[in-house]
């Protein structure tokens, strides 16, 4: 039997969880919170701003639920090749569960990060840096760095 995913048993809707995320960010000092939708009525990402010194830094946390869907689908015995033949109701049910789990995981991660900020163990910009939006297009620091093949980073390995 496969291991249960973190938050896999949640029955809490993505909308409710996103609302909780919005409240937590606002209570912890976010100056703005924005929901981005996927075109089907579901929230695809949460964007927010935190004041850091004189700057109002923008961050974007996407919900990449598809990877959870793949895990749950494979666990249910639906292979990649038979995905297109999957029963529509079953697929929608697994997609909805995947979104519930993904958003709940994001909520718990945000809570943990903000607990570290609250105790001055880290700074907001330190924990959310990969999700900080850069100039044009709103790409995150991680997305931009990944697109560049992590070439902007200089790695210093052990010397021979």
C-alpha atoms as a PDB file:
ATOM      1  CA  UNK A   1       0.000   0.000   0.000  1.00  0.00           C
ATOM      2  CA  UNK A   2       1.277   3.446  -0.869  1.00  0.00           C
ATOM      3  CA  UNK A   3       1.944   6.125   1.658  1.00  0.00           C
ATOM      4  CA  UNK A   4      -0.786   8.696   2.250  1.00  0.00           C
ATOM      5  CA  UNK A   5       0.063  12.153   0.930  1.00  0.00           C
ATOM      6  CA  UNK A   6       0.284  15.037   3.369  1.00  0.00           C
ATOM      7  CA  UNK A   7      -3.269  16.434   3.736  1.00  0.00           C
ATOM      8  CA  UNK A   8      -4.695  13.696   1.461  1.00  0.00           C
ATOM      9  CA  UNK A   9      -7.743  13.068   3.630  1.00  0.00           C
ATOM     10  CA  UNK A  10      -8.949  16.669   3.600  1.00  0.00           C
ATOM     11  CA  UNK A  11     -12.529  17.324   2.581  1.00  0.00           C
ATOM     12  CA  UNK A  12     -12.145  21.102   2.797  1.00  0.00           C
ATOM     13  CA  UNK A  13     -12.909  22.851  -0.485  1.00  0.00           C
ATOM     14  CA  UNK A  14     -10.203  24.783  -2.330  1.00  0.00           C
ATOM     15  CA  UNK A  15     -12.328  27.946  -2.049  1.00  0.00           C
ATOM     16  CA  UNK A  16     -12.475  27.695   1.727  1.00  0.00           C
ATOM     17  CA  UNK A  17      -8.743  26.990   1.969  1.00  0.00           C
ATOM     18  CA  UNK A  18      -7.885  29.907  -0.316  1.00  0.00           C
ATOM     19  CA  UNK A  19     -10.060  32.118   1.905  1.00  0.00           C
ATOM     20  CA  UNK A  20      -8.063  30.935   4.930  1.00  0.00           C
ATOM     21  CA  UNK A  21      -4.812  31.715   3.074  1.00  0.00           C
ATOM     22  CA  UNK A  22      -6.085  35.189   2.284  1.00  0.00           C
ATOM     23  CA  UNK A  23      -6.956  35.853   5.949  1.00  0.00           C
ATOM     24  CA  UNK A  24      -3.611  34.539   7.227  1.00  0.00           C
ATOM     25  CA  UNK A  25      -1.638  36.672   4.780  1.00  0.00           C
ATOM     26  CA  UNK A  26      -3.687  39.763   5.675  1.00  0.00           C
ATOM     27  CA  UNK A  27      -3.303  39.156   9.429  1.00  0.00           C
ATOM     28  CA  UNK A  28       0.437  38.707   9.039  1.00  0.00           C
ATOM     29  CA  UNK A  29       0.942  41.988   7.204  1.00  0.00           C
ATOM     30  CA  UNK A  30       0.253  41.468   3.504  1.00  0.00           C
ATOM     31  CA  UNK A  31      -0.701  44.786   1.952  1.00  0.00           C
ATOM     32  CA  UNK A  32      -2.649  43.100  -0.879  1.00  0.00           C
ATOM     33  CA  UNK A  33      -3.905  39.626  -1.761  1.00  0.00           C
ATOM     34  CA  UNK A  34      -5.126  38.661  -5.234  1.00  0.00           C
ATOM     35  CA  UNK A  35      -6.663  35.423  -6.475  1.00  0.00           C
ATOM     36  CA  UNK A  36      -5.859  34.309 -10.022  1.00  0.00           C
ATOM     37  CA  UNK A  37      -8.434  32.070 -11.666  1.00  0.00           C
ATOM     38  CA  UNK A  38      -7.985  29.227 -14.141  1.00  0.00           C
ATOM     39  CA  UNK A  39     -10.860  30.109 -16.482  1.00  0.00           C
ATOM     40  CA  UNK A  40     -13.050  27.347 -15.040  1.00  0.00           C
ATOM     41  CA  UNK A  41     -13.870  29.181 -11.815  1.00  0.00           C
ATOM     42  CA  UNK A  42     -11.091  27.636  -9.754  1.00  0.00           C
ATOM     43  CA  UNK A  43      -8.242  29.543  -8.140  1.00  0.00           C
ATOM     44  CA  UNK A  44      -4.953  28.841  -9.917  1.00  0.00           C
ATOM     45  CA  UNK A  45      -2.642  31.033  -7.821  1.00  0.00           C
ATOM     46  CA  UNK A  46      -2.545  33.468  -4.925  1.00  0.00           C
ATOM     47  CA  UNK A  47      -0.566  36.659  -5.386  1.00  0.00           C
ATOM     48  CA  UNK A  48       0.244  38.964  -2.505  1.00  0.00           C
ATOM     49  CA  UNK A  49       2.438  41.866  -1.475  1.00  0.00           C
ATOM     50  CA  UNK A  50       4.479  42.465   1.643  1.00  0.00           C
ATOM     51  CA  UNK A  51       6.087  45.764   2.587  1.00  0.00           C
ATOM     52  CA  UNK A  52       9.824  45.221   3.036  1.00  0.00           C
ATOM     53  CA  UNK A  53      11.597  48.438   3.917  1.00  0.00           C
ATOM     54  CA  UNK A  54      10.494  51.037   1.384  1.00  0.00           C
ATOM     55  CA  UNK A  55       9.470  48.363  -1.139  1.00  0.00           C
ATOM     56  CA  UNK A  56       6.149  46.619  -1.634  1.00  0.00           C
ATOM     57  CA  UNK A  57       7.348  43.208  -2.867  1.00  0.00           C
ATOM     58  CA  UNK A  58       5.019  41.080  -5.030  1.00  0.00           C
ATOM     59  CA  UNK A  59       4.859  37.290  -4.608  1.00  0.00           C
ATOM     60  CA  UNK A  60       2.921  34.621  -6.497  1.00  0.00           C
ATOM     61  CA  UNK A  61       2.167  31.115  -5.210  1.00  0.00           C
ATOM     62  CA  UNK A  62       0.771  28.857  -7.941  1.00  0.00           C
ATOM     63  CA  UNK A  63      -1.242  25.751  -7.167  1.00  0.00           C
ATOM     64  CA  UNK A  64       0.343  22.967  -9.217  1.00  0.00           C
ATOM     65  CA  UNK A  65      -2.266  20.345  -8.376  1.00  0.00           C
ATOM     66  CA  UNK A  66      -1.589  18.308 -11.533  1.00  0.00           C
ATOM     67  CA  UNK A  67       1.319  16.456  -9.942  1.00  0.00           C
ATOM     68  CA  UNK A  68      -0.948  15.317  -7.105  1.00  0.00           C
ATOM     69  CA  UNK A  69      -3.536  14.265  -9.698  1.00  0.00           C
ATOM     70  CA  UNK A  70      -0.895  12.098 -11.398  1.00  0.00           C
ATOM     71  CA  UNK A  71      -0.027  10.394  -8.105  1.00  0.00           C
ATOM     72  CA  UNK A  72      -3.677   9.738  -7.193  1.00  0.00           C
ATOM     73  CA  UNK A  73      -4.540   8.618 -10.735  1.00  0.00           C
ATOM     74  CA  UNK A  74      -1.673   6.142 -10.895  1.00  0.00           C
ATOM     75  CA  UNK A  75      -2.512   4.892  -7.424  1.00  0.00           C
ATOM     76  CA  UNK A  76      -6.068   4.271  -8.705  1.00  0.00           C
ATOM     77  CA  UNK A  77      -4.597   2.153 -11.492  1.00  0.00           C
ATOM     78  CA  UNK A  78      -5.117   4.590 -14.367  1.00  0.00           C
ATOM     79  CA  UNK A  79      -2.011   4.596 -16.564  1.00  0.00           C
ATOM     80  CA  UNK A  80      -0.799   7.497 -18.686  1.00  0.00           C
ATOM     81  CA  UNK A  81      -1.954   5.731 -21.854  1.00  0.00           C
ATOM     82  CA  UNK A  82      -5.468   5.049 -20.541  1.00  0.00           C
ATOM     83  CA  UNK A  83      -5.967   8.570 -19.150  1.00  0.00           C
ATOM     84  CA  UNK A  84      -7.992   9.714 -22.159  1.00  0.00           C
ATOM     85  CA  UNK A  85     -10.422   6.815 -21.597  1.00  0.00           C
ATOM     86  CA  UNK A  86     -10.921   7.576 -17.913  1.00  0.00           C
ATOM     87  CA  UNK A  87     -14.534   8.016 -16.822  1.00  0.00           C
ATOM     88  CA  UNK A  88     -15.321  11.765 -16.789  1.00  0.00           C
ATOM     89  CA  UNK A  89     -16.969  11.744 -13.335  1.00  0.00           C
ATOM     90  CA  UNK A  90     -14.085   9.760 -11.869  1.00  0.00           C
ATOM     91  CA  UNK A  91     -11.562  12.125 -13.470  1.00  0.00           C
ATOM     92  CA  UNK A  92     -13.387  15.212 -12.150  1.00  0.00           C
ATOM     93  CA  UNK A  93     -13.571  13.652  -8.694  1.00  0.00           C
ATOM     94  CA  UNK A  94      -9.814  12.947  -8.682  1.00  0.00           C
ATOM     95  CA  UNK A  95      -9.072  16.443 -10.012  1.00  0.00           C
ATOM     96  CA  UNK A  96     -11.190  18.017  -7.273  1.00  0.00           C
ATOM     97  CA  UNK A  97      -9.476  15.906  -4.613  1.00  0.00           C
ATOM     98  CA  UNK A  98      -6.079  16.861  -6.054  1.00  0.00           C
ATOM     99  CA  UNK A  99      -6.962  20.550  -5.804  1.00  0.00           C
ATOM    100  CA  UNK A 100      -8.223  20.156  -2.219  1.00  0.00           C
ATOM    101  CA  UNK A 101      -4.994  18.424  -1.183  1.00  0.00           C
ATOM    102  CA  UNK A 102      -2.741  20.861  -3.048  1.00  0.00           C
ATOM    103  CA  UNK A 103      -4.354  23.975  -1.596  1.00  0.00           C
ATOM    104  CA  UNK A 104      -4.336  22.507   1.903  1.00  0.00           C
ATOM    105  CA  UNK A 105      -0.619  21.725   1.559  1.00  0.00           C
ATOM    106  CA  UNK A 106       0.008  25.297   0.415  1.00  0.00           C
ATOM    107  CA  UNK A 107      -1.948  26.635   3.400  1.00  0.00           C
ATOM    108  CA  UNK A 108       0.083  24.573   5.878  1.00  0.00           C
ATOM    109  CA  UNK A 109       3.343  25.613   4.189  1.00  0.00           C
ATOM    110  CA  UNK A 110       2.392  29.292   4.412  1.00  0.00           C
ATOM    111  CA  UNK A 111       1.446  28.873   8.086  1.00  0.00           C
ATOM    112  CA  UNK A 112       4.814  27.261   8.822  1.00  0.00           C
ATOM    113  CA  UNK A 113       6.754  29.953   6.955  1.00  0.00           C
ATOM    114  CA  UNK A 114       4.902  32.785   8.658  1.00  0.00           C
ATOM    115  CA  UNK A 115       5.460  31.150  12.055  1.00  0.00           C
ATOM    116  CA  UNK A 116       9.202  31.387  11.365  1.00  0.00           C
ATOM    117  CA  UNK A 117       8.786  35.033  10.321  1.00  0.00           C
ATOM    118  CA  UNK A 118       6.761  35.768  13.459  1.00  0.00           C
ATOM    119  CA  UNK A 119       9.568  34.485  15.670  1.00  0.00           C
ATOM    120  CA  UNK A 120      12.209  36.442  13.714  1.00  0.00           C
ATOM    121  CA  UNK A 121      13.953  33.256  12.650  1.00  0.00           C
ATOM    122  CA  UNK A 122      13.608  34.326   9.014  1.00  0.00           C
ATOM    123  CA  UNK A 123      12.438  37.307   6.993  1.00  0.00           C
ATOM    124  CA  UNK A 124       9.371  37.339   4.736  1.00  0.00           C
ATOM    125  CA  UNK A 125      11.535  37.961   1.680  1.00  0.00           C
ATOM    126  CA  UNK A 126      13.834  35.106   2.684  1.00  0.00           C
ATOM    127  CA  UNK A 127      11.193  32.382   2.721  1.00  0.00           C
ATOM    128  CA  UNK A 128       9.108  33.670  -0.166  1.00  0.00           C
ATOM    129  CA  UNK A 129      12.043  34.725  -2.414  1.00  0.00           C
ATOM    130  CA  UNK A 130      11.531  31.968  -5.028  1.00  0.00           C
ATOM    131  CA  UNK A 131       7.947  33.207  -5.428  1.00  0.00           C
ATOM    132  CA  UNK A 132       8.823  36.917  -5.736  1.00  0.00           C
ATOM    133  CA  UNK A 133       7.613  38.280  -9.045  1.00  0.00           C
ATOM    134  CA  UNK A 134      10.159  39.899 -11.298  1.00  0.00           C
ATOM    135  CA  UNK A 135       9.657  42.671 -13.865  1.00  0.00           C
ATOM    136  CA  UNK A 136       7.750  42.075 -17.069  1.00  0.00           C
ATOM    137  CA  UNK A 137       5.402  39.137 -17.340  1.00  0.00           C
ATOM    138  CA  UNK A 138       5.248  38.536 -13.611  1.00  0.00           C
ATOM    139  CA  UNK A 139       7.575  35.551 -13.682  1.00  0.00           C
ATOM    140  CA  UNK A 140       8.796  34.472 -10.281  1.00  0.00           C
ATOM    141  CA  UNK A 141      12.471  34.469  -9.319  1.00  0.00           C
ATOM    142  CA  UNK A 142      12.413  30.679  -9.483  1.00  0.00           C
ATOM    143  CA  UNK A 143      10.753  30.576 -12.937  1.00  0.00           C
ATOM    144  CA  UNK A 144      13.200  33.118 -14.338  1.00  0.00           C
ATOM    145  CA  UNK A 145      16.208  31.363 -12.843  1.00  0.00           C
ATOM    146  CA  UNK A 146      14.985  27.971 -14.066  1.00  0.00           C
ATOM    147  CA  UNK A 147      14.418  29.357 -17.584  1.00  0.00           C
ATOM    148  CA  UNK A 148      18.020  30.568 -17.608  1.00  0.00           C
ATOM    149  CA  UNK A 149      19.234  27.117 -16.577  1.00  0.00           C
ATOM    150  CA  UNK A 150      20.270  28.431 -13.171  1.00  0.00           C
ATOM    151  CA  UNK A 151      23.142  30.181 -14.971  1.00  0.00           C
ATOM    152  CA  UNK A 152      22.719  33.351 -12.922  1.00  0.00           C
ATOM    153  CA  UNK A 153      23.765  31.387  -9.858  1.00  0.00           C
ATOM    154  CA  UNK A 154      27.366  30.637  -9.136  1.00  0.00           C
ATOM    155  CA  UNK A 155      27.938  27.317  -7.436  1.00  0.00           C
ATOM    156  CA  UNK A 156      31.042  26.687  -5.405  1.00  0.00           C
ATOM    157  CA  UNK A 157      31.632  22.998  -4.959  1.00  0.00           C
ATOM    158  CA  UNK A 158      34.223  21.173  -2.949  1.00  0.00           C
ATOM    159  CA  UNK A 159      37.686  21.760  -4.272  1.00  0.00           C
ATOM    160  CA  UNK A 160      39.625  18.754  -5.501  1.00  0.00           C
END
